[in-house]
C-alpha atoms as a PDB file:
ATOM      1  CA  UNK A   1      26.837 142.576 113.319  1.00  0.00           C
ATOM      2  CA  UNK A   2      25.060 142.063 110.167  1.00  0.00           C
ATOM      3  CA  UNK A   3      22.302 139.379 109.935  1.00  0.00           C
ATOM      4  CA  UNK A   4      21.375 139.465 106.309  1.00  0.00           C
ATOM      5  CA  UNK A   5      23.613 140.284 103.228  1.00  0.00           C
ATOM      6  CA  UNK A   6      21.695 143.039 101.276  1.00  0.00           C
ATOM      7  CA  UNK A   7      23.612 142.282  98.236  1.00  0.00           C
ATOM      8  CA  UNK A   8      21.691 139.605  96.591  1.00  0.00           C
ATOM      9  CA  UNK A   9      22.367 138.155  93.234  1.00  0.00           C
ATOM     10  CA  UNK A  10      19.236 138.284  91.211  1.00  0.00           C
ATOM     11  CA  UNK A  11      20.539 137.036  88.039  1.00  0.00           C
ATOM     12  CA  UNK A  12      19.204 133.542  88.724  1.00  0.00           C
ATOM     13  CA  UNK A  13      15.838 134.729  90.524  1.00  0.00           C
ATOM     14  CA  UNK A  14      12.789 133.609  88.778  1.00  0.00           C
ATOM     15  CA  UNK A  15      11.078 136.288  87.096  1.00  0.00           C
ATOM     16  CA  UNK A  16       7.423 135.876  85.993  1.00  0.00           C
ATOM     17  CA  UNK A  17       7.745 138.864  83.579  1.00  0.00           C
ATOM     18  CA  UNK A  18      10.388 136.577  81.641  1.00  0.00           C
ATOM     19  CA  UNK A  19       8.285 133.563  81.318  1.00  0.00           C
ATOM     20  CA  UNK A  20       7.076 132.619  77.977  1.00  0.00           C
ATOM     21  CA  UNK A  21       3.435 130.601  78.199  1.00  0.00           C
ATOM     22  CA  UNK A  22       1.918 128.757  75.363  1.00  0.00           C
ATOM     23  CA  UNK A  23      -1.747 128.282  76.961  1.00  0.00           C
ATOM     24  CA  UNK A  24      -4.005 125.372  76.619  1.00  0.00           C
ATOM     25  CA  UNK A  25      -6.341 125.574  73.460  1.00  0.00           C
ATOM     26  CA  UNK A  26      -3.094 127.230  71.546  1.00  0.00           C
ATOM     27  CA  UNK A  27      -1.817 125.471  68.630  1.00  0.00           C
ATOM     28  CA  UNK A  28       1.565 126.324  67.033  1.00  0.00           C
ATOM     29  CA  UNK A  29       3.170 124.941  63.782  1.00  0.00           C
ATOM     30  CA  UNK A  30       6.808 125.817  63.651  1.00  0.00           C
ATOM     31  CA  UNK A  31       9.919 126.024  65.806  1.00  0.00           C
ATOM     32  CA  UNK A  32      10.022 127.498  69.208  1.00  0.00           C
ATOM     33  CA  UNK A  33      13.299 128.873  70.837  1.00  0.00           C
ATOM     34  CA  UNK A  34      13.589 130.645  74.022  1.00  0.00           C
ATOM     35  CA  UNK A  35      16.605 132.047  76.061  1.00  0.00           C
ATOM     36  CA  UNK A  36      14.535 132.015  79.039  1.00  0.00           C
ATOM     37  CA  UNK A  37      11.906 129.905  80.912  1.00  0.00           C
ATOM     38  CA  UNK A  38       8.953 128.406  78.915  1.00  0.00           C
ATOM     39  CA  UNK A  39       5.752 126.738  79.819  1.00  0.00           C
ATOM     40  CA  UNK A  40       3.467 124.942  77.392  1.00  0.00           C
ATOM     41  CA  UNK A  41       0.075 123.814  77.873  1.00  0.00           C
ATOM     42  CA  UNK A  42      -1.080 123.901  74.180  1.00  0.00           C
ATOM     43  CA  UNK A  43       0.285 122.111  71.216  1.00  0.00           C
ATOM     44  CA  UNK A  44       3.409 122.529  69.042  1.00  0.00           C
ATOM     45  CA  UNK A  45       4.329 120.849  66.015  1.00  0.00           C
ATOM     46  CA  UNK A  46       8.095 121.609  65.573  1.00  0.00           C
ATOM     47  CA  UNK A  47      11.414 121.822  67.340  1.00  0.00           C
ATOM     48  CA  UNK A  48      11.449 123.331  70.879  1.00  0.00           C
ATOM     49  CA  UNK A  49      14.209 124.616  72.519  1.00  0.00           C
ATOM     50  CA  UNK A  50      15.019 126.417  75.814  1.00  0.00           C
ATOM     51  CA  UNK A  51      18.283 127.607  77.100  1.00  0.00           C
ATOM     52  CA  UNK A  52      16.547 127.615  80.652  1.00  0.00           C
ATOM     53  CA  UNK A  53      13.720 125.626  82.342  1.00  0.00           C
ATOM     54  CA  UNK A  54      10.995 124.099  80.133  1.00  0.00           C
ATOM     55  CA  UNK A  55       7.545 123.039  81.630  1.00  0.00           C
ATOM     56  CA  UNK A  56       5.300 120.821  79.565  1.00  0.00           C
ATOM     57  CA  UNK A  57       1.857 120.772  81.412  1.00  0.00           C
ATOM     58  CA  UNK A  58      -0.667 117.680  81.355  1.00  0.00           C
ATOM     59  CA  UNK A  59      -2.655 119.291  78.480  1.00  0.00           C
ATOM     60  CA  UNK A  60       0.651 119.797  76.184  1.00  0.00           C
ATOM     61  CA  UNK A  61       1.400 117.957  73.189  1.00  0.00           C
ATOM     62  CA  UNK A  62       4.679 118.242  71.163  1.00  0.00           C
ATOM     63  CA  UNK A  63       5.216 116.729  67.827  1.00  0.00           C
ATOM     64  CA  UNK A  64       8.972 117.411  67.419  1.00  0.00           C
ATOM     65  CA  UNK A  65      12.219 117.208  69.141  1.00  0.00           C
ATOM     66  CA  UNK A  66      12.950 119.065  72.672  1.00  0.00           C
ATOM     67  CA  UNK A  67      16.175 120.487  73.883  1.00  0.00           C
ATOM     68  CA  UNK A  68      16.342 122.057  77.154  1.00  0.00           C
ATOM     69  CA  UNK A  69      18.440 122.811  80.138  1.00  0.00           C
ATOM     70  CA  UNK A  70      15.931 121.440  82.613  1.00  0.00           C
ATOM     71  CA  UNK A  71      12.672 119.857  81.554  1.00  0.00           C
ATOM     72  CA  UNK A  72       9.456 119.266  83.604  1.00  0.00           C
ATOM     73  CA  UNK A  73       7.250 116.870  81.481  1.00  0.00           C
ATOM     74  CA  UNK A  74       3.550 116.233  82.486  1.00  0.00           C
ATOM     75  CA  UNK A  75       2.085 116.040  78.758  1.00  0.00           C
ATOM     76  CA  UNK A  76       2.749 114.263  75.355  1.00  0.00           C
ATOM     77  CA  UNK A  77       5.763 114.182  73.342  1.00  0.00           C
ATOM     78  CA  UNK A  78       6.224 112.455  69.989  1.00  0.00           C
ATOM     79  CA  UNK A  79       9.660 113.125  69.395  1.00  0.00           C
ATOM     80  CA  UNK A  80      13.301 112.928  71.032  1.00  0.00           C
ATOM     81  CA  UNK A  81      14.422 114.725  74.034  1.00  0.00           C
ATOM     82  CA  UNK A  82      17.719 116.213  75.049  1.00  0.00           C
ATOM     83  CA  UNK A  83      18.099 117.738  78.391  1.00  0.00           C
ATOM     84  CA  UNK A  84      21.477 118.881  79.713  1.00  0.00           C
ATOM     85  CA  UNK A  85      20.651 118.841  83.420  1.00  0.00           C
ATOM     86  CA  UNK A  86      17.440 117.331  84.908  1.00  0.00           C
ATOM     87  CA  UNK A  87      14.504 115.695  83.181  1.00  0.00           C
ATOM     88  CA  UNK A  88      11.460 115.286  85.352  1.00  0.00           C
ATOM     89  CA  UNK A  89       8.848 112.903  83.771  1.00  0.00           C
ATOM     90  CA  UNK A  90       5.612 113.166  85.853  1.00  0.00           C
ATOM     91  CA  UNK A  91       3.201 110.364  86.272  1.00  0.00           C
ATOM     92  CA  UNK A  92       0.653 111.833  83.498  1.00  0.00           C
ATOM     93  CA  UNK A  93       3.436 112.017  81.098  1.00  0.00           C
ATOM     94  CA  UNK A  94       3.704 110.069  77.607  1.00  0.00           C
ATOM     95  CA  UNK A  95       7.011 109.953  75.591  1.00  0.00           C
ATOM     96  CA  UNK A  96       7.521 108.276  72.156  1.00  0.00           C
ATOM     97  CA  UNK A  97      11.029 108.915  71.373  1.00  0.00           C
ATOM     98  CA  UNK A  98      14.569 108.663  72.920  1.00  0.00           C
ATOM     99  CA  UNK A  99      15.915 110.596  75.610  1.00  0.00           C
ATOM    100  CA  UNK A 100      19.363 111.944  76.277  1.00  0.00           C
ATOM    101  CA  UNK A 101      19.684 113.293  79.837  1.00  0.00           C
ATOM    102  CA  UNK A 102      22.191 114.172  82.568  1.00  0.00           C
ATOM    103  CA  UNK A 103      19.717 113.221  85.418  1.00  0.00           C
ATOM    104  CA  UNK A 104      16.436 111.581  84.979  1.00  0.00           C
ATOM    105  CA  UNK A 105      13.416 111.251  87.294  1.00  0.00           C
ATOM    106  CA  UNK A 106      10.434 109.000  86.071  1.00  0.00           C
ATOM    107  CA  UNK A 107       7.275 108.966  88.225  1.00  0.00           C
ATOM    108  CA  UNK A 108       5.121 105.810  88.655  1.00  0.00           C
ATOM    109  CA  UNK A 109       2.495 105.832  85.742  1.00  0.00           C
ATOM    110  CA  UNK A 110       4.467 107.644  83.045  1.00  0.00           C
ATOM    111  CA  UNK A 111       4.722 106.220  79.714  1.00  0.00           C
ATOM    112  CA  UNK A 112       8.035 106.030  77.994  1.00  0.00           C
ATOM    113  CA  UNK A 113       8.697 104.233  74.687  1.00  0.00           C
ATOM    114  CA  UNK A 114      12.310 105.004  73.663  1.00  0.00           C
ATOM    115  CA  UNK A 115      15.818 104.507  74.174  1.00  0.00           C
ATOM    116  CA  UNK A 116      17.497 106.546  77.331  1.00  0.00           C
ATOM    117  CA  UNK A 117      21.113 107.653  77.242  1.00  0.00           C
ATOM    118  CA  UNK A 118      22.397 109.368  80.493  1.00  0.00           C
ATOM    119  CA  UNK A 119      25.653 111.259  80.273  1.00  0.00           C
ATOM    120  CA  UNK A 120      27.235 113.651  82.614  1.00  0.00           C
ATOM    121  CA  UNK A 121      28.153 117.055  81.781  1.00  0.00           C
ATOM    122  CA  UNK A 122      31.974 116.621  81.682  1.00  0.00           C
ATOM    123  CA  UNK A 123      32.139 114.031  79.198  1.00  0.00           C
ATOM    124  CA  UNK A 124      29.314 114.617  76.514  1.00  0.00           C
ATOM    125  CA  UNK A 125      26.369 116.733  76.870  1.00  0.00           C
ATOM    126  CA  UNK A 126      28.501 120.039  76.798  1.00  0.00           C
ATOM    127  CA  UNK A 127      29.360 118.907  73.317  1.00  0.00           C
ATOM    128  CA  UNK A 128      25.805 119.382  72.167  1.00  0.00           C
ATOM    129  CA  UNK A 129      25.239 123.112  72.708  1.00  0.00           C
ATOM    130  CA  UNK A 130      22.479 125.134  71.728  1.00  0.00           C
ATOM    131  CA  UNK A 131      24.127 126.476  68.509  1.00  0.00           C
ATOM    132  CA  UNK A 132      23.679 123.083  67.070  1.00  0.00           C
ATOM    133  CA  UNK A 133      19.870 123.321  66.647  1.00  0.00           C
ATOM    134  CA  UNK A 134      19.866 122.209  62.957  1.00  0.00           C
ATOM    135  CA  UNK A 135      21.379 118.864  63.754  1.00  0.00           C
ATOM    136  CA  UNK A 136      19.222 115.896  63.752  1.00  0.00           C
ATOM    137  CA  UNK A 137      18.799 113.914  66.736  1.00  0.00           C
ATOM    138  CA  UNK A 138      20.790 111.127  65.262  1.00  0.00           C
ATOM    139  CA  UNK A 139      23.634 113.211  64.774  1.00  0.00           C
ATOM    140  CA  UNK A 140      23.613 114.699  68.213  1.00  0.00           C
ATOM    141  CA  UNK A 141      23.150 111.378  69.790  1.00  0.00           C
ATOM    142  CA  UNK A 142      26.195 109.984  68.055  1.00  0.00           C
ATOM    143  CA  UNK A 143      28.102 113.156  68.848  1.00  0.00           C
ATOM    144  CA  UNK A 144      27.059 112.526  72.578  1.00  0.00           C
ATOM    145  CA  UNK A 145      28.225 108.998  72.619  1.00  0.00           C
ATOM    146  CA  UNK A 146      31.534 109.759  71.404  1.00  0.00           C
END
């Protein structure tokens, strides 16, 4: 009788060697696109895209639109946000822009100024894929609502 299965699927296991980190004190101007997990504690002026999990720390500031599968936000965003799975807005977060998300958690104390659309994966968010990175938020929003 085997108690443990030795054949583990490691494809979804967190690997710190594949984590992209932009530390506090770092400033980037331009678009960021990542296939893997990314953490930002510095500032970015431009579009940010992650096909995995994106974490914006308390010291982060993004001036531009964001697209991610999962997003945990503790810093400041001046732009629109599209999240295909779960968006967690922590109590220290400040958002000035619109949100499209499948699932949303906003902690008490967070600041959010904009519109929010909640869509499920079956109906709309799958239409907005990562290949559409050149589209504006308005175009993506219209596409998601249809």
